[in-house]
Amino acid sequence: QQFVLQSYHNRMTELFEAIDSIAFLKMDERLFKYLKDKAMVNHNEVI
C-alpha cells in the first residue's frame, strides 16, 4: 500500500515538472533538462 501511494506521489510530482517545463521553460531549457534526464536514466553522460 505504501509503495503504491509513493508511486502515485512520485509520478504526480514528475507530471507537475513536465507541465512546468512546458509552461514556464524556454525550449532550450526544456531541451537541456531532457538531455540531463536521459543521461541520468541511462547512467551515462554520453547519450
All heavy atoms as atom14 arrays in JSON, in Angstrom:
{
  "sequence": "QQFVLQSYHNRMTELFEAIDSIAFLKMDERLFKYLKDKAMVNHNEVI",
  "atom14_mask": [
    [1, 1, 1, 1, 1, 1, 1, 1, 1, 0, 0, 0, 0, 0],
    [1, 1, 1, 1, 1, 1, 1, 1, 1, 0, 0, 0, 0, 0],
    [1, 1, 1, 1, 1, 1, 1, 1, 1, 1, 1, 0, 0, 0],
    [1, 1, 1, 1, 1, 1, 1, 0, 0, 0, 0, 0, 0, 0],
    [1, 1, 1, 1, 1, 1, 1, 1, 0, 0, 0, 0, 0, 0],
    [1, 1, 1, 1, 1, 1, 1, 1, 1, 0, 0, 0, 0, 0],
    [1, 1, 1, 1, 1, 1, 0, 0, 0, 0, 0, 0, 0, 0],
    [1, 1, 1, 1, 1, 1, 1, 1, 1, 1, 1, 1, 0, 0],
    [1, 1, 1, 1, 1, 1, 1, 1, 1, 1, 0, 0, 0, 0],
    [1, 1, 1, 1, 1, 1, 1, 1, 0, 0, 0, 0, 0, 0],
    [1, 1, 1, 1, 1, 1, 1, 1, 1, 1, 1, 0, 0, 0],
    [1, 1, 1, 1, 1, 1, 1, 1, 0, 0, 0, 0, 0, 0],
    [1, 1, 1, 1, 1, 1, 1, 0, 0, 0, 0, 0, 0, 0],
    [1, 1, 1, 1, 1, 1, 1, 1, 1, 0, 0, 0, 0, 0],
    [1, 1, 1, 1, 1, 1, 1, 1, 0, 0, 0, 0, 0, 0],
    [1, 1, 1, 1, 1, 1, 1, 1, 1, 1, 1, 0, 0, 0],
    [1, 1, 1, 1, 1, 1, 1, 1, 1, 0, 0, 0, 0, 0],
    [1, 1, 1, 1, 1, 0, 0, 0, 0, 0, 0, 0, 0, 0],
    [1, 1, 1, 1, 1, 1, 1, 1, 0, 0, 0, 0, 0, 0],
    [1, 1, 1, 1, 1, 1, 1, 1, 0, 0, 0, 0, 0, 0],
    [1, 1, 1, 1, 1, 1, 0, 0, 0, 0, 0, 0, 0, 0],
    [1, 1, 1, 1, 1, 1, 1, 1, 0, 0, 0, 0, 0, 0],
    [1, 1, 1, 1, 1, 0, 0, 0, 0, 0, 0, 0, 0, 0],
    [1, 1, 1, 1, 1, 1, 1, 1, 1, 1, 1, 0, 0, 0],
    [1, 1, 1, 1, 1, 1, 1, 1, 0, 0, 0, 0, 0, 0],
    [1, 1, 1, 1, 1, 1, 1, 1, 1, 0, 0, 0, 0, 0],
    [1, 1, 1, 1, 1, 1, 1, 1, 0, 0, 0, 0, 0, 0],
    [1, 1, 1, 1, 1, 1, 1, 1, 0, 0, 0, 0, 0, 0],
    [1, 1, 1, 1, 1, 1, 1, 1, 1, 0, 0, 0, 0, 0],
    [1, 1, 1, 1, 1, 1, 1, 1, 1, 1, 1, 0, 0, 0],
    [1, 1, 1, 1, 1, 1, 1, 1, 0, 0, 0, 0, 0, 0],
    [1, 1, 1, 1, 1, 1, 1, 1, 1, 1, 1, 0, 0, 0],
    [1, 1, 1, 1, 1, 1, 1, 1, 1, 0, 0, 0, 0, 0],
    [1, 1, 1, 1, 1, 1, 1, 1, 1, 1, 1, 1, 0, 0],
    [1, 1, 1, 1, 1, 1, 1, 1, 0, 0, 0, 0, 0, 0],
    [1, 1, 1, 1, 1, 1, 1, 1, 1, 0, 0, 0, 0, 0],
    [1, 1, 1, 1, 1, 1, 1, 1, 0, 0, 0, 0, 0, 0],
    [1, 1, 1, 1, 1, 1, 1, 1, 1, 0, 0, 0, 0, 0],
    [1, 1, 1, 1, 1, 0, 0, 0, 0, 0, 0, 0, 0, 0],
    [1, 1, 1, 1, 1, 1, 1, 1, 0, 0, 0, 0, 0, 0],
    [1, 1, 1, 1, 1, 1, 1, 0, 0, 0, 0, 0, 0, 0],
    [1, 1, 1, 1, 1, 1, 1, 1, 0, 0, 0, 0, 0, 0],
    [1, 1, 1, 1, 1, 1, 1, 1, 1, 1, 0, 0, 0, 0],
    [1, 1, 1, 1, 1, 1, 1, 1, 0, 0, 0, 0, 0, 0],
    [1, 1, 1, 1, 1, 1, 1, 1, 1, 0, 0, 0, 0, 0],
    [1, 1, 1, 1, 1, 1, 1, 0, 0, 0, 0, 0, 0, 0],
    [1, 1, 1, 1, 1, 1, 1, 1, 0, 0, 0, 0, 0, 0]
  ],
  "atom14_positions": [
    [[0.84, -1.21, 0.0], [0.0, 0.0, 0.0], [0.87, 1.25, 0.0], [0.62, 2.2, -0.75], [-0.91, -0.01, 1.23], [-1.9, 1.15, 1.3], [-2.7, 1.1, 2.59], [-2.33, 1.73, 3.59], [-3.78, 0.34, 2.58], [0.0, 0.0, 0.0], [0.0, 0.0, 0.0], [0.0, 0.0, 0.0], [0.0, 0.0, 0.0], [0.0, 0.0, 0.0]],
    [[1.91, 1.25, 0.84], [2.83, 2.39, 0.89], [3.56, 2.57, -0.44], [3.76, 3.7, -0.91], [3.83, 2.2, 2.03], [3.2, 2.29, 3.41], [4.17, 1.87, 4.52], [5.14, 1.14, 4.28], [3.91, 2.33, 5.73], [0.0, 0.0, 0.0], [0.0, 0.0, 0.0], [0.0, 0.0, 0.0], [0.0, 0.0, 0.0], [0.0, 0.0, 0.0]],
    [[3.96, 1.46, -1.05], [4.65, 1.5, -2.35], [3.75, 2.11, -3.42], [4.19, 2.97, -4.2], [5.07, 0.09, -2.75], [5.64, -0.01, -4.13], [6.88, 0.53, -4.44], [4.94, -0.67, -5.14], [7.41, 0.42, -5.72], [5.46, -0.78, -6.42], [6.69, -0.23, -6.71], [0.0, 0.0, 0.0], [0.0, 0.0, 0.0], [0.0, 0.0, 0.0]],
    [[2.5, 1.69, -3.47], [1.56, 2.21, -4.47], [1.32, 3.71, -4.25], [1.37, 4.5, -5.2], [0.23, 1.44, -4.41], [-0.85, 2.14, -5.24], [0.43, 0.01, -4.92], [0.0, 0.0, 0.0], [0.0, 0.0, 0.0], [0.0, 0.0, 0.0], [0.0, 0.0, 0.0], [0.0, 0.0, 0.0], [0.0, 0.0, 0.0], [0.0, 0.0, 0.0]],
    [[1.1, 4.11, -3.01], [0.86, 5.53, -2.72], [2.09, 6.37, -3.04], [1.98, 7.48, -3.6], [0.46, 5.71, -1.25], [-0.91, 5.15, -0.86], [-1.12, 5.26, 0.65], [-2.03, 5.88, -1.6], [0.0, 0.0, 0.0], [0.0, 0.0, 0.0], [0.0, 0.0, 0.0], [0.0, 0.0, 0.0], [0.0, 0.0, 0.0], [0.0, 0.0, 0.0]],
    [[3.28, 5.87, -2.7], [4.51, 6.6, -3.01], [4.72, 6.7, -4.51], [5.19, 7.73, -5.02], [5.71, 5.92, -2.35], [7.02, 6.7, -2.48], [6.97, 8.05, -1.8], [6.54, 8.17, -0.65], [7.38, 9.1, -2.5], [0.0, 0.0, 0.0], [0.0, 0.0, 0.0], [0.0, 0.0, 0.0], [0.0, 0.0, 0.0], [0.0, 0.0, 0.0]],
    [[4.36, 5.64, -5.23], [4.47, 5.65, -6.69], [3.56, 6.71, -7.29], [3.97, 7.45, -8.2], [4.12, 4.28, -7.27], [5.05, 3.31, -6.84], [0.0, 0.0, 0.0], [0.0, 0.0, 0.0], [0.0, 0.0, 0.0], [0.0, 0.0, 0.0], [0.0, 0.0, 0.0], [0.0, 0.0, 0.0], [0.0, 0.0, 0.0], [0.0, 0.0, 0.0]],
    [[2.33, 6.81, -6.79], [1.42, 7.87, -7.24], [2.03, 9.24, -6.98], [2.02, 10.12, -7.85], [0.07, 7.77, -6.52], [-0.94, 6.89, -7.2], [-1.35, 5.7, -6.61], [-1.5, 7.24, -8.43], [-2.29, 4.88, -7.23], [-2.44, 6.43, -9.05], [-2.83, 5.25, -8.44], [-3.75, 4.44, -9.06], [0.0, 0.0, 0.0], [0.0, 0.0, 0.0]],
    [[2.57, 9.42, -5.79], [3.16, 10.71, -5.43], [4.33, 11.06, -6.35], [4.42, 12.19, -6.86], [3.64, 10.66, -3.97], [4.42, 11.87, -3.56], [3.83, 13.09, -3.29], [5.77, 12.06, -3.39], [4.76, 13.97, -2.98], [5.93, 13.38, -3.03], [0.0, 0.0, 0.0], [0.0, 0.0, 0.0], [0.0, 0.0, 0.0], [0.0, 0.0, 0.0]],
    [[5.22, 10.09, -6.58], [6.39, 10.35, -7.42], [5.98, 10.7, -8.85], [6.53, 11.62, -9.46], [7.3, 9.12, -7.44], [7.96, 8.85, -6.11], [7.98, 9.72, -5.23], [8.48, 7.66, -5.92], [0.0, 0.0, 0.0], [0.0, 0.0, 0.0], [0.0, 0.0, 0.0], [0.0, 0.0, 0.0], [0.0, 0.0, 0.0], [0.0, 0.0, 0.0]],
    [[5.03, 9.94, -9.4], [4.63, 10.2, -10.78], [3.89, 11.53, -10.9], [4.04, 12.24, -11.89], [3.74, 9.07, -11.3], [4.35, 7.68, -11.31], [5.54, 7.51, -12.24], [6.81, 7.96, -11.69], [7.53, 7.29, -10.82], [7.11, 6.13, -10.34], [8.68, 7.77, -10.41], [0.0, 0.0, 0.0], [0.0, 0.0, 0.0], [0.0, 0.0, 0.0]],
    [[3.08, 11.88, -9.91], [2.39, 13.17, -9.94], [3.39, 14.31, -9.88], [3.24, 15.32, -10.58], [1.4, 13.28, -8.78], [0.14, 12.43, -8.94], [-0.78, 12.83, -10.46], [-1.27, 14.52, -10.12], [0.0, 0.0, 0.0], [0.0, 0.0, 0.0], [0.0, 0.0, 0.0], [0.0, 0.0, 0.0], [0.0, 0.0, 0.0], [0.0, 0.0, 0.0]],
    [[4.43, 14.17, -9.06], [5.48, 15.18, -9.0], [6.14, 15.35, -10.36], [6.39, 16.47, -10.82], [6.54, 14.79, -7.94], [5.92, 14.72, -6.65], [7.67, 15.81, -7.9], [0.0, 0.0, 0.0], [0.0, 0.0, 0.0], [0.0, 0.0, 0.0], [0.0, 0.0, 0.0], [0.0, 0.0, 0.0], [0.0, 0.0, 0.0], [0.0, 0.0, 0.0]],
    [[6.42, 14.23, -11.02], [7.05, 14.29, -12.34], [6.11, 14.88, -13.4], [6.57, 15.59, -14.3], [7.51, 12.89, -12.75], [8.73, 12.43, -11.96], [9.0, 10.94, -12.06], [8.07, 10.2, -12.42], [10.13, 10.53, -11.79], [0.0, 0.0, 0.0], [0.0, 0.0, 0.0], [0.0, 0.0, 0.0], [0.0, 0.0, 0.0], [0.0, 0.0, 0.0]],
    [[4.82, 14.61, -13.27], [3.86, 15.22, -14.19], [3.82, 16.73, -14.0], [3.76, 17.48, -14.98], [2.47, 14.62, -13.98], [2.21, 13.26, -14.6], [0.83, 12.74, -14.18], [2.29, 13.33, -16.11], [0.0, 0.0, 0.0], [0.0, 0.0, 0.0], [0.0, 0.0, 0.0], [0.0, 0.0, 0.0], [0.0, 0.0, 0.0], [0.0, 0.0, 0.0]],
    [[3.84, 17.18, -12.75], [3.88, 18.63, -12.49], [5.14, 19.25, -13.07], [5.1, 20.36, -13.63], [3.81, 18.91, -10.98], [2.45, 18.68, -10.38], [2.32, 18.13, -9.11], [1.29, 19.0, -11.07], [1.08, 17.9, -8.55], [0.04, 18.79, -10.51], [-0.07, 18.23, -9.25], [0.0, 0.0, 0.0], [0.0, 0.0, 0.0], [0.0, 0.0, 0.0]],
    [[6.27, 18.53, -12.95], [7.52, 19.04, -13.53], [7.41, 19.13, -15.04], [7.91, 20.08, -15.66], [8.68, 18.13, -13.13], [9.08, 18.24, -11.67], [10.22, 17.29, -11.31], [10.63, 16.5, -12.19], [10.68, 17.32, -10.16], [0.0, 0.0, 0.0], [0.0, 0.0, 0.0], [0.0, 0.0, 0.0], [0.0, 0.0, 0.0], [0.0, 0.0, 0.0]],
    [[6.76, 18.13, -15.66], [6.58, 18.15, -17.11], [5.71, 19.33, -17.52], [5.99, 20.03, -18.51], [5.96, 16.84, -17.59], [0.0, 0.0, 0.0], [0.0, 0.0, 0.0], [0.0, 0.0, 0.0], [0.0, 0.0, 0.0], [0.0, 0.0, 0.0], [0.0, 0.0, 0.0], [0.0, 0.0, 0.0], [0.0, 0.0, 0.0], [0.0, 0.0, 0.0]],
    [[4.63, 19.58, -16.76], [3.74, 20.71, -17.06], [4.49, 22.03, -16.88], [4.4, 22.93, -17.72], [2.5, 20.67, -16.14], [1.63, 19.46, -16.5], [1.68, 21.95, -16.27], [0.54, 19.16, -15.5], [0.0, 0.0, 0.0], [0.0, 0.0, 0.0], [0.0, 0.0, 0.0], [0.0, 0.0, 0.0], [0.0, 0.0, 0.0], [0.0, 0.0, 0.0]],
    [[5.23, 22.14, -15.77], [6.01, 23.37, -15.52], [7.03, 23.6, -16.63], [7.26, 24.73, -17.06], [6.73, 23.27, -14.17], [5.79, 23.39, -12.99], [4.63, 23.79, -13.2], [6.21, 23.08, -11.86], [0.0, 0.0, 0.0], [0.0, 0.0, 0.0], [0.0, 0.0, 0.0], [0.0, 0.0, 0.0], [0.0, 0.0, 0.0], [0.0, 0.0, 0.0]],
    [[7.66, 22.5, -17.08], [8.65, 22.61, -18.14], [8.03, 23.18, -19.41], [8.59, 24.07, -20.05], [9.27, 21.24, -18.42], [10.17, 21.3, -19.5], [0.0, 0.0, 0.0], [0.0, 0.0, 0.0], [0.0, 0.0, 0.0], [0.0, 0.0, 0.0], [0.0, 0.0, 0.0], [0.0, 0.0, 0.0], [0.0, 0.0, 0.0], [0.0, 0.0, 0.0]],
    [[6.85, 22.68, -19.77], [6.17, 23.16, -20.98], [5.7, 24.59, -20.81], [5.82, 25.42, -21.71], [4.98, 22.23, -21.32], [5.5, 20.84, -21.69], [4.15, 22.81, -22.46], [4.41, 19.79, -21.73], [0.0, 0.0, 0.0], [0.0, 0.0, 0.0], [0.0, 0.0, 0.0], [0.0, 0.0, 0.0], [0.0, 0.0, 0.0], [0.0, 0.0, 0.0]],
    [[5.16, 24.89, -19.62], [4.54, 26.19, -19.4], [5.55, 27.31, -19.14], [5.34, 28.45, -19.58], [3.56, 26.1, -18.22], [0.0, 0.0, 0.0], [0.0, 0.0, 0.0], [0.0, 0.0, 0.0], [0.0, 0.0, 0.0], [0.0, 0.0, 0.0], [0.0, 0.0, 0.0], [0.0, 0.0, 0.0], [0.0, 0.0, 0.0], [0.0, 0.0, 0.0]],
    [[6.64, 27.0, -18.45], [7.49, 28.06, -17.94], [8.92, 28.08, -18.5], [9.58, 29.12, -18.42], [7.57, 27.98, -16.41], [6.23, 28.02, -15.74], [5.82, 27.01, -14.9], [5.36, 29.08, -15.96], [4.57, 27.04, -14.28], [4.11, 29.13, -15.34], [3.72, 28.1, -14.5], [0.0, 0.0, 0.0], [0.0, 0.0, 0.0], [0.0, 0.0, 0.0]],
    [[9.4, 26.96, -19.03], [10.77, 26.94, -19.53], [10.81, 27.24, -21.03], [9.93, 26.83, -21.78], [11.41, 25.56, -19.29], [11.62, 25.12, -17.85], [12.35, 23.78, -17.82], [12.39, 26.16, -17.05], [0.0, 0.0, 0.0], [0.0, 0.0, 0.0], [0.0, 0.0, 0.0], [0.0, 0.0, 0.0], [0.0, 0.0, 0.0], [0.0, 0.0, 0.0]],
    [[11.86, 27.94, -21.43], [12.08, 28.14, -22.85], [12.53, 26.81, -23.46], [13.0, 25.92, -22.76], [13.14, 29.22, -23.06], [12.72, 30.61, -22.57], [13.75, 31.66, -22.92], [15.05, 31.43, -22.18], [16.05, 32.5, -22.45], [0.0, 0.0, 0.0], [0.0, 0.0, 0.0], [0.0, 0.0, 0.0], [0.0, 0.0, 0.0], [0.0, 0.0, 0.0]],
    [[12.41, 26.7, -24.78], [12.71, 25.42, -25.43], [14.14, 24.97, -25.19], [14.4, 23.77, -25.01], [12.42, 25.5, -26.93], [12.67, 24.19, -27.68], [11.81, 22.75, -26.98], [10.16, 23.05, -27.59], [0.0, 0.0, 0.0], [0.0, 0.0, 0.0], [0.0, 0.0, 0.0], [0.0, 0.0, 0.0], [0.0, 0.0, 0.0], [0.0, 0.0, 0.0]],
    [[15.1, 25.9, -25.14], [16.48, 25.47, -24.9], [16.64, 24.9, -23.49], [17.4, 23.94, -23.27], [17.46, 26.62, -25.14], [17.24, 27.82, -24.23], [16.1, 27.99, -23.74], [18.18, 28.6, -24.02], [0.0, 0.0, 0.0], [0.0, 0.0, 0.0], [0.0, 0.0, 0.0], [0.0, 0.0, 0.0], [0.0, 0.0, 0.0], [0.0, 0.0, 0.0]],
    [[15.91, 25.46, -22.52], [15.95, 24.94, -21.15], [15.27, 23.58, -21.07], [15.75, 22.67, -20.38], [15.27, 25.92, -20.2], [15.98, 27.26, -20.08], [15.18, 28.29, -19.3], [13.94, 28.34, -19.46], [15.79, 29.05, -18.53], [0.0, 0.0, 0.0], [0.0, 0.0, 0.0], [0.0, 0.0, 0.0], [0.0, 0.0, 0.0], [0.0, 0.0, 0.0]],
    [[14.15, 23.42, -21.77], [13.46, 22.12, -21.83], [14.37, 21.07, -22.44], [14.45, 19.94, -21.96], [12.18, 22.22, -22.65], [11.0, 22.87, -21.95], [9.78, 22.85, -22.86], [9.41, 21.48, -23.18], [8.64, 21.14, -24.22], [8.22, 22.05, -25.07], [8.33, 19.88, -24.43], [0.0, 0.0, 0.0], [0.0, 0.0, 0.0], [0.0, 0.0, 0.0]],
    [[15.06, 21.45, -23.51], [15.95, 20.53, -24.2], [17.08, 20.07, -23.29], [17.39, 18.87, -23.2], [16.52, 21.19, -25.45], [17.62, 20.43, -26.2], [17.14, 19.06, -26.64], [18.12, 21.25, -27.41], [0.0, 0.0, 0.0], [0.0, 0.0, 0.0], [0.0, 0.0, 0.0], [0.0, 0.0, 0.0], [0.0, 0.0, 0.0], [0.0, 0.0, 0.0]],
    [[17.71, 21.02, -22.57], [18.83, 20.66, -21.71], [18.37, 19.79, -20.54], [19.05, 18.83, -20.14], [19.55, 21.91, -21.21], [20.86, 21.62, -20.55], [21.82, 20.83, -21.17], [21.15, 22.14, -19.29], [23.04, 20.56, -20.57], [22.37, 21.87, -18.68], [23.31, 21.08, -19.32], [0.0, 0.0, 0.0], [0.0, 0.0, 0.0], [0.0, 0.0, 0.0]],
    [[17.19, 20.08, -20.0], [16.62, 19.24, -18.93], [16.35, 17.83, -19.46], [16.63, 16.83, -18.79], [15.31, 19.85, -18.41], [14.67, 19.04, -17.29], [13.38, 19.69, -16.8], [12.77, 18.92, -15.62], [12.47, 17.51, -15.94], [0.0, 0.0, 0.0], [0.0, 0.0, 0.0], [0.0, 0.0, 0.0], [0.0, 0.0, 0.0], [0.0, 0.0, 0.0]],
    [[15.82, 17.74, -20.67], [15.56, 16.44, -21.3], [16.86, 15.64, -21.44], [16.91, 14.45, -21.13], [14.92, 16.68, -22.66], [14.91, 15.49, -23.6], [13.85, 14.58, -23.6], [15.96, 15.27, -24.5], [13.84, 13.5, -24.46], [15.95, 14.19, -25.36], [14.89, 13.31, -25.34], [14.89, 12.24, -26.21], [0.0, 0.0, 0.0], [0.0, 0.0, 0.0]],
    [[17.92, 16.3, -21.9], [19.2, 15.62, -22.09], [19.76, 15.12, -20.76], [20.27, 14.0, -20.67], [20.2, 16.56, -22.77], [19.87, 16.99, -24.21], [20.87, 18.04, -24.68], [19.86, 15.79, -25.15], [0.0, 0.0, 0.0], [0.0, 0.0, 0.0], [0.0, 0.0, 0.0], [0.0, 0.0, 0.0], [0.0, 0.0, 0.0], [0.0, 0.0, 0.0]],
    [[19.67, 15.95, -19.72], [20.19, 15.54, -18.41], [19.36, 14.39, -17.83], [19.92, 13.45, -17.24], [20.2, 16.74, -17.46], [21.23, 17.79, -17.81], [21.47, 18.78, -16.67], [20.26, 19.64, -16.41], [20.54, 20.66, -15.37], [0.0, 0.0, 0.0], [0.0, 0.0, 0.0], [0.0, 0.0, 0.0], [0.0, 0.0, 0.0], [0.0, 0.0, 0.0]],
    [[18.03, 14.46, -17.99], [17.18, 13.36, -17.51], [17.5, 12.06, -18.24], [17.56, 10.99, -17.64], [15.7, 13.7, -17.72], [15.2, 14.78, -16.76], [15.92, 15.08, -15.78], [14.1, 15.31, -17.0], [0.0, 0.0, 0.0], [0.0, 0.0, 0.0], [0.0, 0.0, 0.0], [0.0, 0.0, 0.0], [0.0, 0.0, 0.0], [0.0, 0.0, 0.0]],
    [[17.72, 12.16, -19.54], [18.03, 10.99, -20.34], [19.38, 10.39, -19.93], [19.53, 9.18, -19.83], [18.02, 11.36, -21.82], [17.84, 10.21, -22.79], [17.64, 10.75, -24.2], [17.44, 9.63, -25.21], [16.15, 8.95, -25.05], [0.0, 0.0, 0.0], [0.0, 0.0, 0.0], [0.0, 0.0, 0.0], [0.0, 0.0, 0.0], [0.0, 0.0, 0.0]],
    [[20.36, 11.25, -19.69], [21.67, 10.79, -19.22], [21.55, 10.11, -17.86], [22.2, 9.09, -17.6], [22.64, 11.97, -19.15], [0.0, 0.0, 0.0], [0.0, 0.0, 0.0], [0.0, 0.0, 0.0], [0.0, 0.0, 0.0], [0.0, 0.0, 0.0], [0.0, 0.0, 0.0], [0.0, 0.0, 0.0], [0.0, 0.0, 0.0], [0.0, 0.0, 0.0]],
    [[20.7, 10.65, -17.0], [20.53, 10.1, -15.66], [19.95, 8.69, -15.72], [20.46, 7.77, -15.07], [19.62, 10.99, -14.82], [19.4, 10.51, -13.4], [18.26, 11.58, -12.49], [16.72, 11.26, -13.38], [0.0, 0.0, 0.0], [0.0, 0.0, 0.0], [0.0, 0.0, 0.0], [0.0, 0.0, 0.0], [0.0, 0.0, 0.0], [0.0, 0.0, 0.0]],
    [[18.87, 8.48, -16.5], [18.24, 7.16, -16.53], [19.1, 6.15, -17.28], [18.99, 4.94, -17.04], [16.82, 7.2, -17.15], [15.92, 8.12, -16.35], [16.84, 7.6, -18.61], [0.0, 0.0, 0.0], [0.0, 0.0, 0.0], [0.0, 0.0, 0.0], [0.0, 0.0, 0.0], [0.0, 0.0, 0.0], [0.0, 0.0, 0.0], [0.0, 0.0, 0.0]],
    [[19.97, 6.63, -18.17], [20.89, 5.73, -18.87], [22.18, 5.51, -18.1], [23.02, 4.69, -18.51], [21.21, 6.27, -20.26], [20.11, 6.03, -21.27], [20.06, 4.98, -21.9], [19.21, 6.99, -21.43], [0.0, 0.0, 0.0], [0.0, 0.0, 0.0], [0.0, 0.0, 0.0], [0.0, 0.0, 0.0], [0.0, 0.0, 0.0], [0.0, 0.0, 0.0]],
    [[22.38, 6.29, -17.01], [23.6, 6.2, -16.2], [24.85, 6.38, -17.06], [25.85, 5.67, -16.91], [23.66, 4.87, -15.45], [22.46, 4.59, -14.6], [22.2, 5.29, -13.44], [21.42, 3.74, -14.77], [21.06, 4.85, -12.91], [20.58, 3.92, -13.7], [0.0, 0.0, 0.0], [0.0, 0.0, 0.0], [0.0, 0.0, 0.0], [0.0, 0.0, 0.0]],
    [[24.75, 7.34, -17.97], [25.86, 7.58, -18.89], [25.75, 9.02, -19.39], [24.68, 9.45, -19.84], [25.79, 6.61, -20.07], [27.08, 6.57, -20.87], [27.82, 7.54, -20.94], [27.34, 5.44, -21.5], [0.0, 0.0, 0.0], [0.0, 0.0, 0.0], [0.0, 0.0, 0.0], [0.0, 0.0, 0.0], [0.0, 0.0, 0.0], [0.0, 0.0, 0.0]],
    [[26.85, 9.77, -19.3], [26.84, 11.15, -19.77], [26.83, 11.26, -21.29], [26.6, 12.33, -21.84], [28.05, 11.9, -19.2], [29.39, 11.35, -19.67], [30.57, 12.01, -18.99], [30.36, 12.76, -18.03], [31.7, 11.74, -19.41], [0.0, 0.0, 0.0], [0.0, 0.0, 0.0], [0.0, 0.0, 0.0], [0.0, 0.0, 0.0], [0.0, 0.0, 0.0]],
    [[27.08, 10.14, -21.96], [27.0, 10.1, -23.43], [25.67, 9.47, -23.84], [25.38, 8.32, -23.47], [28.17, 9.32, -24.05], [28.02, 9.26, -25.57], [29.5, 9.96, -23.67], [0.0, 0.0, 0.0], [0.0, 0.0, 0.0], [0.0, 0.0, 0.0], [0.0, 0.0, 0.0], [0.0, 0.0, 0.0], [0.0, 0.0, 0.0], [0.0, 0.0, 0.0]],
    [[24.87, 10.2, -24.58], [23.54, 9.75, -25.0], [23.58, 9.39, -26.48], [24.02, 10.2, -27.3], [22.49, 10.86, -24.78], [22.49, 11.34, -23.33], [21.11, 10.39, -25.18], [21.73, 12.62, -23.14], [0.0, 0.0, 0.0], [0.0, 0.0, 0.0], [0.0, 0.0, 0.0], [0.0, 0.0, 0.0], [0.0, 0.0, 0.0], [0.0, 0.0, 0.0]]
  ]
}
